[in-house]
């Protein structure tokens, strides 16, 4: 069984850059690719997986809607993976 924390504080413009120290700096497309890779691999290997959202902070002056959109990516990807398996 798998447990996947689809954290988004590794996003390139996340408000908590000091936490990740710029090591990842993923784009929106990068977040989507990461989530798709993890979920497709679990599906391909027959591993049941639960996923949660994590992290994600609006930069000063940023919107919470932007953070929510980043959190939604894993759900969008999961729906696509389920439909295509």
PDB file of N, CA and C in Angstrom:
ATOM      1  N   UNK A   1       0.838  -1.173   0.000  1.00  0.00           N
ATOM      2  CA  UNK A   1       0.000   0.000   0.000  1.00  0.00           C
ATOM      3  C   UNK A   1       0.882   1.235   0.000  1.00  0.00           C
ATOM      4  N   UNK A   2       0.411   2.249  -0.718  1.00  0.00           N
ATOM      5  CA  UNK A   2       1.190   3.475  -0.810  1.00  0.00           C
ATOM      6  C   UNK A   2       0.468   4.667  -0.209  1.00  0.00           C
ATOM      7  N   UNK A   3       1.242   5.603   0.237  1.00  0.00           N
ATOM      8  CA  UNK A   3       0.729   6.867   0.750  1.00  0.00           C
ATOM      9  C   UNK A   3       1.546   7.966   0.098  1.00  0.00           C
ATOM     10  N   UNK A   4       0.898   8.833  -0.663  1.00  0.00           N
ATOM     11  CA  UNK A   4       1.592   9.856  -1.439  1.00  0.00           C
ATOM     12  C   UNK A   4       1.205  11.245  -0.956  1.00  0.00           C
ATOM     13  N   UNK A   5       2.170  11.979  -0.437  1.00  0.00           N
ATOM     14  CA  UNK A   5       1.968  13.359  -0.013  1.00  0.00           C
ATOM     15  C   UNK A   5       2.355  14.251  -1.188  1.00  0.00           C
ATOM     16  N   UNK A   6       1.347  14.738  -1.895  1.00  0.00           N
ATOM     17  CA  UNK A   6       1.574  15.544  -3.096  1.00  0.00           C
ATOM     18  C   UNK A   6       1.788  17.015  -2.706  1.00  0.00           C
ATOM     19  N   UNK A   7       2.855  17.259  -1.969  1.00  0.00           N
ATOM     20  CA  UNK A   7       3.156  18.610  -1.504  1.00  0.00           C
ATOM     21  C   UNK A   7       3.453  19.561  -2.645  1.00  0.00           C
ATOM     22  N   UNK A   8       3.054  20.793  -2.471  1.00  0.00           N
ATOM     23  CA  UNK A   8       3.282  21.789  -3.525  1.00  0.00           C
ATOM     24  C   UNK A   8       4.175  22.937  -3.069  1.00  0.00           C
ATOM     25  N   UNK A   9       4.807  22.811  -1.910  1.00  0.00           N
ATOM     26  CA  UNK A   9       5.718  23.875  -1.501  1.00  0.00           C
ATOM     27  C   UNK A   9       7.028  23.838  -2.284  1.00  0.00           C
ATOM     28  N   UNK A  10       7.187  22.840  -3.148  1.00  0.00           N
ATOM     29  CA  UNK A  10       8.348  22.774  -4.036  1.00  0.00           C
ATOM     30  C   UNK A  10       8.100  23.528  -5.344  1.00  0.00           C
ATOM     31  N   UNK A  11       6.939  24.183  -5.459  1.00  0.00           N
ATOM     32  CA  UNK A  11       6.610  24.992  -6.638  1.00  0.00           C
ATOM     33  C   UNK A  11       7.575  26.180  -6.718  1.00  0.00           C
ATOM     34  N   UNK A  12       7.959  26.534  -7.928  1.00  0.00           N
ATOM     35  CA  UNK A  12       8.974  27.567  -8.133  1.00  0.00           C
ATOM     36  C   UNK A  12       8.631  28.922  -7.519  1.00  0.00           C
ATOM     37  N   UNK A  13       7.363  29.275  -7.430  1.00  0.00           N
ATOM     38  CA  UNK A  13       6.976  30.573  -6.886  1.00  0.00           C
ATOM     39  C   UNK A  13       6.250  30.458  -5.550  1.00  0.00           C
ATOM     40  N   UNK A  14       6.479  29.359  -4.845  1.00  0.00           N
ATOM     41  CA  UNK A  14       5.820  29.184  -3.553  1.00  0.00           C
ATOM     42  C   UNK A  14       6.345  30.223  -2.563  1.00  0.00           C
ATOM     43  N   UNK A  15       5.474  30.629  -1.648  1.00  0.00           N
ATOM     44  CA  UNK A  15       5.830  31.662  -0.691  1.00  0.00           C
ATOM     45  C   UNK A  15       6.801  31.228   0.389  1.00  0.00           C
ATOM     46  N   UNK A  16       7.146  29.954   0.456  1.00  0.00           N
ATOM     47  CA  UNK A  16       8.034  29.469   1.505  1.00  0.00           C
ATOM     48  C   UNK A  16       9.363  28.988   0.924  1.00  0.00           C
ATOM     49  N   UNK A  17       9.908  29.758   0.016  1.00  0.00           N
ATOM     50  CA  UNK A  17      11.136  29.364  -0.682  1.00  0.00           C
ATOM     51  C   UNK A  17      12.262  28.995   0.262  1.00  0.00           C
ATOM     52  N   UNK A  18      12.317  29.629   1.420  1.00  0.00           N
ATOM     53  CA  UNK A  18      13.415  29.334   2.341  1.00  0.00           C
ATOM     54  C   UNK A  18      13.365  27.878   2.825  1.00  0.00           C
ATOM     55  N   UNK A  19      12.169  27.286   2.852  1.00  0.00           N
ATOM     56  CA  UNK A  19      12.035  25.909   3.318  1.00  0.00           C
ATOM     57  C   UNK A  19      12.700  24.934   2.347  1.00  0.00           C
ATOM     58  N   UNK A  20      12.403  25.075   1.071  1.00  0.00           N
ATOM     59  CA  UNK A  20      12.970  24.157   0.073  1.00  0.00           C
ATOM     60  C   UNK A  20      14.342  24.614  -0.410  1.00  0.00           C
ATOM     61  N   UNK A  21      14.703  25.811  -0.069  1.00  0.00           N
ATOM     62  CA  UNK A  21      15.997  26.388  -0.437  1.00  0.00           C
ATOM     63  C   UNK A  21      16.278  26.337  -1.937  1.00  0.00           C
ATOM     64  N   UNK A  22      15.196  26.350  -2.723  1.00  0.00           N
ATOM     65  CA  UNK A  22      15.352  26.381  -4.173  1.00  0.00           C
ATOM     66  C   UNK A  22      15.837  25.094  -4.797  1.00  0.00           C
ATOM     67  N   UNK A  23      15.819  24.001  -4.051  1.00  0.00           N
ATOM     68  CA  UNK A  23      16.347  22.749  -4.592  1.00  0.00           C
ATOM     69  C   UNK A  23      15.480  22.174  -5.705  1.00  0.00           C
ATOM     70  N   UNK A  24      14.175  22.404  -5.645  1.00  0.00           N
ATOM     71  CA  UNK A  24      13.309  21.820  -6.654  1.00  0.00           C
ATOM     72  C   UNK A  24      12.797  22.869  -7.629  1.00  0.00           C
ATOM     73  N   UNK A  25      12.046  23.848  -7.161  1.00  0.00           N
ATOM     74  CA  UNK A  25      11.552  24.901  -8.040  1.00  0.00           C
ATOM     75  C   UNK A  25      10.741  24.371  -9.216  1.00  0.00           C
ATOM     76  N   UNK A  26       9.818  23.448  -8.948  1.00  0.00           N
ATOM     77  CA  UNK A  26       9.018  22.863 -10.024  1.00  0.00           C
ATOM     78  C   UNK A  26       8.020  23.862 -10.608  1.00  0.00           C
ATOM     79  N   UNK A  27       7.787  23.752 -11.887  1.00  0.00           N
ATOM     80  CA  UNK A  27       6.740  24.527 -12.552  1.00  0.00           C
ATOM     81  C   UNK A  27       5.415  23.807 -12.351  1.00  0.00           C
ATOM     82  N   UNK A  28       4.322  24.426 -12.800  1.00  0.00           N
ATOM     83  CA  UNK A  28       3.026  23.736 -12.743  1.00  0.00           C
ATOM     84  C   UNK A  28       3.082  22.444 -13.545  1.00  0.00           C
ATOM     85  N   UNK A  29       3.718  22.510 -14.715  1.00  0.00           N
ATOM     86  CA  UNK A  29       3.863  21.297 -15.539  1.00  0.00           C
ATOM     87  C   UNK A  29       4.710  20.256 -14.812  1.00  0.00           C
ATOM     88  N   UNK A  30       5.715  20.704 -14.088  1.00  0.00           N
ATOM     89  CA  UNK A  30       6.559  19.793 -13.322  1.00  0.00           C
ATOM     90  C   UNK A  30       5.802  19.109 -12.199  1.00  0.00           C
ATOM     91  N   UNK A  31       4.940  19.857 -11.508  1.00  0.00           N
ATOM     92  CA  UNK A  31       4.098  19.264 -10.466  1.00  0.00           C
ATOM     93  C   UNK A  31       3.203  18.189 -11.073  1.00  0.00           C
ATOM     94  N   UNK A  32       2.607  18.517 -12.219  1.00  0.00           N
ATOM     95  CA  UNK A  32       1.709  17.574 -12.899  1.00  0.00           C
ATOM     96  C   UNK A  32       2.469  16.313 -13.334  1.00  0.00           C
ATOM     97  N   UNK A  33       3.657  16.483 -13.875  1.00  0.00           N
ATOM     98  CA  UNK A  33       4.458  15.333 -14.313  1.00  0.00           C
ATOM     99  C   UNK A  33       4.852  14.449 -13.133  1.00  0.00           C
ATOM    100  N   UNK A  34       5.225  15.087 -12.032  1.00  0.00           N
ATOM    101  CA  UNK A  34       5.587  14.325 -10.835  1.00  0.00           C
ATOM    102  C   UNK A  34       4.405  13.495 -10.352  1.00  0.00           C
ATOM    103  N   UNK A  35       3.239  14.133 -10.226  1.00  0.00           N
ATOM    104  CA  UNK A  35       2.048  13.432  -9.748  1.00  0.00           C
ATOM    105  C   UNK A  35       1.657  12.307 -10.693  1.00  0.00           C
ATOM    106  N   UNK A  36       1.723  12.575 -11.981  1.00  0.00           N
ATOM    107  CA  UNK A  36       1.366  11.544 -12.957  1.00  0.00           C
ATOM    108  C   UNK A  36       2.326  10.361 -12.872  1.00  0.00           C
ATOM    109  N   UNK A  37       3.606  10.643 -12.743  1.00  0.00           N
ATOM    110  CA  UNK A  37       4.592   9.561 -12.641  1.00  0.00           C
ATOM    111  C   UNK A  37       4.294   8.668 -11.437  1.00  0.00           C
ATOM    112  N   UNK A  38       4.107   9.289 -10.270  1.00  0.00           N
ATOM    113  CA  UNK A  38       3.869   8.517  -9.047  1.00  0.00           C
ATOM    114  C   UNK A  38       2.594   7.686  -9.161  1.00  0.00           C
ATOM    115  N   UNK A  39       1.507   8.318  -9.593  1.00  0.00           N
ATOM    116  CA  UNK A  39       0.227   7.602  -9.642  1.00  0.00           C
ATOM    117  C   UNK A  39       0.196   6.531 -10.725  1.00  0.00           C
ATOM    118  N   UNK A  40       0.809   6.788 -11.863  1.00  0.00           N
ATOM    119  CA  UNK A  40       0.856   5.764 -12.923  1.00  0.00           C
ATOM    120  C   UNK A  40       1.735   4.583 -12.506  1.00  0.00           C
ATOM    121  N   UNK A  41       2.838   4.856 -11.842  1.00  0.00           N
ATOM    122  CA  UNK A  41       3.701   3.766 -11.387  1.00  0.00           C
ATOM    123  C   UNK A  41       2.984   2.899 -10.361  1.00  0.00           C
ATOM    124  N   UNK A  42       2.281   3.526  -9.443  1.00  0.00           N
ATOM    125  CA  UNK A  42       1.519   2.742  -8.455  1.00  0.00           C
ATOM    126  C   UNK A  42       0.471   1.887  -9.150  1.00  0.00           C
ATOM    127  N   UNK A  43      -0.235   2.492 -10.100  1.00  0.00           N
ATOM    128  CA  UNK A  43      -1.270   1.764 -10.833  1.00  0.00           C
ATOM    129  C   UNK A  43      -0.668   0.605 -11.622  1.00  0.00           C
ATOM    130  N   UNK A  44       0.418   0.877 -12.323  1.00  0.00           N
ATOM    131  CA  UNK A  44       1.076  -0.139 -13.140  1.00  0.00           C
ATOM    132  C   UNK A  44       1.559  -1.319 -12.288  1.00  0.00           C
ATOM    133  N   UNK A  45       1.992  -1.042 -11.070  1.00  0.00           N
ATOM    134  CA  UNK A  45       2.528  -2.078 -10.194  1.00  0.00           C
ATOM    135  C   UNK A  45       1.467  -2.710  -9.298  1.00  0.00           C
ATOM    136  N   UNK A  46       0.202  -2.238  -9.451  1.00  0.00           N
ATOM    137  CA  UNK A  46      -0.883  -2.792  -8.657  1.00  0.00           C
ATOM    138  C   UNK A  46      -0.838  -2.375  -7.194  1.00  0.00           C
ATOM    139  N   UNK A  47      -0.247  -1.230  -6.928  1.00  0.00           N
ATOM    140  CA  UNK A  47      -0.124  -0.741  -5.551  1.00  0.00           C
ATOM    141  C   UNK A  47      -1.268   0.225  -5.258  1.00  0.00           C
ATOM    142  N   UNK A  48      -2.143  -0.120  -4.324  1.00  0.00           N
ATOM    143  CA  UNK A  48      -3.180   0.840  -3.940  1.00  0.00           C
ATOM    144  C   UNK A  48      -2.494   2.052  -3.295  1.00  0.00           C
ATOM    145  N   UNK A  49      -2.947   3.229  -3.636  1.00  0.00           N
ATOM    146  CA  UNK A  49      -2.297   4.426  -3.103  1.00  0.00           C
ATOM    147  C   UNK A  49      -3.338   5.435  -2.634  1.00  0.00           C
ATOM    148  N   UNK A  50      -3.080   5.998  -1.478  1.00  0.00           N
ATOM    149  CA  UNK A  50      -3.878   7.117  -0.965  1.00  0.00           C
ATOM    150  C   UNK A  50      -3.023   8.370  -1.150  1.00  0.00           C
ATOM    151  N   UNK A  51      -3.638   9.455  -1.499  1.00  0.00           N
ATOM    152  CA  UNK A  51      -2.882  10.682  -1.682  1.00  0.00           C
ATOM    153  C   UNK A  51      -3.509  11.824  -0.901  1.00  0.00           C
ATOM    154  N   UNK A  52      -2.664  12.684  -0.418  1.00  0.00           N
ATOM    155  CA  UNK A  52      -3.104  13.880   0.299  1.00  0.00           C
ATOM    156  C   UNK A  52      -2.367  15.080  -0.274  1.00  0.00           C
ATOM    157  N   UNK A  53      -2.939  16.247  -0.043  1.00  0.00           N
ATOM    158  CA  UNK A  53      -2.254  17.470  -0.440  1.00  0.00           C
ATOM    159  C   UNK A  53      -1.421  17.952   0.737  1.00  0.00           C
ATOM    160  N   UNK A  54      -0.420  18.737   0.451  1.00  0.00           N
ATOM    161  CA  UNK A  54       0.423  19.237   1.524  1.00  0.00           C
ATOM    162  C   UNK A  54       1.170  20.477   1.087  1.00  0.00           C
ATOM    163  N   UNK A  55       1.540  21.274   2.087  1.00  0.00           N
ATOM    164  CA  UNK A  55       2.335  22.467   1.810  1.00  0.00           C
ATOM    165  C   UNK A  55       1.600  23.446   0.912  1.00  0.00           C
ATOM    166  N   UNK A  56       2.339  24.364   0.400  1.00  0.00           N
ATOM    167  CA  UNK A  56       1.782  25.359  -0.497  1.00  0.00           C
ATOM    168  C   UNK A  56       1.424  26.635   0.227  1.00  0.00           C
ATOM    169  N   UNK A  57       2.117  27.683  -0.113  1.00  0.00           N
ATOM    170  CA  UNK A  57       1.917  28.970   0.543  1.00  0.00           C
ATOM    171  C   UNK A  57       1.883  30.066  -0.506  1.00  0.00           C
ATOM    172  N   UNK A  58       0.954  30.978  -0.319  1.00  0.00           N
ATOM    173  CA  UNK A  58       0.848  32.101  -1.247  1.00  0.00           C
ATOM    174  C   UNK A  58       1.984  33.078  -0.951  1.00  0.00           C
ATOM    175  N   UNK A  59       2.684  33.536  -1.989  1.00  0.00           N
ATOM    176  CA  UNK A  59       3.705  34.551  -1.747  1.00  0.00           C
ATOM    177  C   UNK A  59       3.047  35.850  -1.294  1.00  0.00           C
ATOM    178  N   UNK A  60       3.805  36.713  -0.697  1.00  0.00           N
ATOM    179  CA  UNK A  60       3.270  38.000  -0.257  1.00  0.00           C
ATOM    180  C   UNK A  60       2.548  38.659  -1.427  1.00  0.00           C
ATOM    181  N   UNK A  61       1.288  38.979  -1.219  1.00  0.00           N
ATOM    182  CA  UNK A  61       0.489  39.582  -2.281  1.00  0.00           C
ATOM    183  C   UNK A  61      -0.137  38.570  -3.229  1.00  0.00           C
ATOM    184  N   UNK A  62       0.154  37.285  -3.030  1.00  0.00           N
ATOM    185  CA  UNK A  62      -0.398  36.245  -3.899  1.00  0.00           C
ATOM    186  C   UNK A  62      -1.780  35.824  -3.435  1.00  0.00           C
ATOM    187  N   UNK A  63      -2.408  34.995  -4.226  1.00  0.00           N
ATOM    188  CA  UNK A  63      -3.774  34.589  -3.895  1.00  0.00           C
ATOM    189  C   UNK A  63      -3.830  33.143  -3.417  1.00  0.00           C
ATOM    190  N   UNK A  64      -4.772  32.900  -2.541  1.00  0.00           N
ATOM    191  CA  UNK A  64      -4.991  31.536  -2.063  1.00  0.00           C
ATOM    192  C   UNK A  64      -5.583  30.671  -3.164  1.00  0.00           C
ATOM    193  N   UNK A  65      -6.242  31.298  -4.130  1.00  0.00           N
ATOM    194  CA  UNK A  65      -6.788  30.540  -5.258  1.00  0.00           C
ATOM    195  C   UNK A  65      -5.664  29.885  -6.058  1.00  0.00           C
ATOM    196  N   UNK A  66      -4.533  30.565  -6.181  1.00  0.00           N
ATOM    197  CA  UNK A  66      -3.394  29.992  -6.904  1.00  0.00           C
ATOM    198  C   UNK A  66      -2.882  28.744  -6.187  1.00  0.00           C
ATOM    199  N   UNK A  67      -2.829  28.814  -4.863  1.00  0.00           N
ATOM    200  CA  UNK A  67      -2.379  27.657  -4.084  1.00  0.00           C
ATOM    201  C   UNK A  67      -3.389  26.512  -4.226  1.00  0.00           C
ATOM    202  N   UNK A  68      -4.668  26.848  -4.164  1.00  0.00           N
ATOM    203  CA  UNK A  68      -5.708  25.823  -4.315  1.00  0.00           C
ATOM    204  C   UNK A  68      -5.613  25.158  -5.686  1.00  0.00           C
ATOM    205  N   UNK A  69      -5.298  25.922  -6.713  1.00  0.00           N
ATOM    206  CA  UNK A  69      -5.154  25.357  -8.059  1.00  0.00           C
ATOM    207  C   UNK A  69      -3.984  24.377  -8.103  1.00  0.00           C
ATOM    208  N   UNK A  70      -2.905  24.683  -7.392  1.00  0.00           N
ATOM    209  CA  UNK A  70      -1.774  23.755  -7.326  1.00  0.00           C
ATOM    210  C   UNK A  70      -2.175  22.471  -6.607  1.00  0.00           C
ATOM    211  N   UNK A  71      -2.954  22.604  -5.540  1.00  0.00           N
ATOM    212  CA  UNK A  71      -3.419  21.416  -4.818  1.00  0.00           C
ATOM    213  C   UNK A  71      -4.361  20.569  -5.675  1.00  0.00           C
ATOM    214  N   UNK A  72      -5.097  21.191  -6.560  1.00  0.00           N
ATOM    215  CA  UNK A  72      -6.060  20.466  -7.402  1.00  0.00           C
ATOM    216  C   UNK A  72      -5.371  19.589  -8.444  1.00  0.00           C
ATOM    217  N   UNK A  73      -4.126  19.883  -8.762  1.00  0.00           N
ATOM    218  CA  UNK A  73      -3.432  19.145  -9.817  1.00  0.00           C
ATOM    219  C   UNK A  73      -3.441  17.642  -9.553  1.00  0.00           C
ATOM    220  N   UNK A  74      -3.130  17.227  -8.328  1.00  0.00           N
ATOM    221  CA  UNK A  74      -3.062  15.796  -8.044  1.00  0.00           C
ATOM    222  C   UNK A  74      -4.423  15.124  -8.241  1.00  0.00           C
ATOM    223  N   UNK A  75      -5.496  15.838  -7.950  1.00  0.00           N
ATOM    224  CA  UNK A  75      -6.835  15.265  -8.140  1.00  0.00           C
ATOM    225  C   UNK A  75      -7.171  15.156  -9.626  1.00  0.00           C
ATOM    226  N   UNK A  76      -6.769  16.157 -10.390  1.00  0.00           N
ATOM    227  CA  UNK A  76      -6.984  16.114 -11.847  1.00  0.00           C
ATOM    228  C   UNK A  76      -6.212  14.950 -12.456  1.00  0.00           C
ATOM    229  N   UNK A  77      -4.962  14.807 -12.030  1.00  0.00           N
ATOM    230  CA  UNK A  77      -4.127  13.711 -12.550  1.00  0.00           C
ATOM    231  C   UNK A  77      -4.702  12.360 -12.145  1.00  0.00           C
ATOM    232  N   UNK A  78      -5.141  12.232 -10.891  1.00  0.00           N
ATOM    233  CA  UNK A  78      -5.718  10.957 -10.427  1.00  0.00           C
ATOM    234  C   UNK A  78      -6.947  10.588 -11.258  1.00  0.00           C
ATOM    235  N   UNK A  79      -7.779  11.572 -11.552  1.00  0.00           N
ATOM    236  CA  UNK A  79      -8.976  11.303 -12.370  1.00  0.00           C
ATOM    237  C   UNK A  79      -8.571  10.807 -13.755  1.00  0.00           C
ATOM    238  N   UNK A  80      -7.545  11.405 -14.332  1.00  0.00           N
ATOM    239  CA  UNK A  80      -7.069  10.993 -15.652  1.00  0.00           C
ATOM    240  C   UNK A  80      -6.476   9.582 -15.594  1.00  0.00           C
ATOM    241  N   UNK A  81      -5.691   9.296 -14.573  1.00  0.00           N
ATOM    242  CA  UNK A  81      -5.077   7.972 -14.449  1.00  0.00           C
ATOM    243  C   UNK A  81      -6.161   6.904 -14.300  1.00  0.00           C
ATOM    244  N   UNK A  82      -7.167   7.180 -13.490  1.00  0.00           N
ATOM    245  CA  UNK A  82      -8.257   6.220 -13.280  1.00  0.00           C
ATOM    246  C   UNK A  82      -8.992   5.951 -14.590  1.00  0.00           C
ATOM    247  N   UNK A  83      -9.228   6.995 -15.376  1.00  0.00           N
ATOM    248  CA  UNK A  83      -9.969   6.843 -16.644  1.00  0.00           C
ATOM    249  C   UNK A  83      -9.182   6.079 -17.690  1.00  0.00           C
ATOM    250  N   UNK A  84      -7.861   6.134 -17.617  1.00  0.00           N
ATOM    251  CA  UNK A  84      -7.057   5.510 -18.663  1.00  0.00           C
ATOM    252  C   UNK A  84      -6.462   4.162 -18.277  1.00  0.00           C
ATOM    253  N   UNK A  85      -6.776   3.690 -17.072  1.00  0.00           N
ATOM    254  CA  UNK A  85      -6.187   2.378 -16.698  1.00  0.00           C
ATOM    255  C   UNK A  85      -7.148   1.248 -17.008  1.00  0.00           C
TER     256      UNK A  85
END
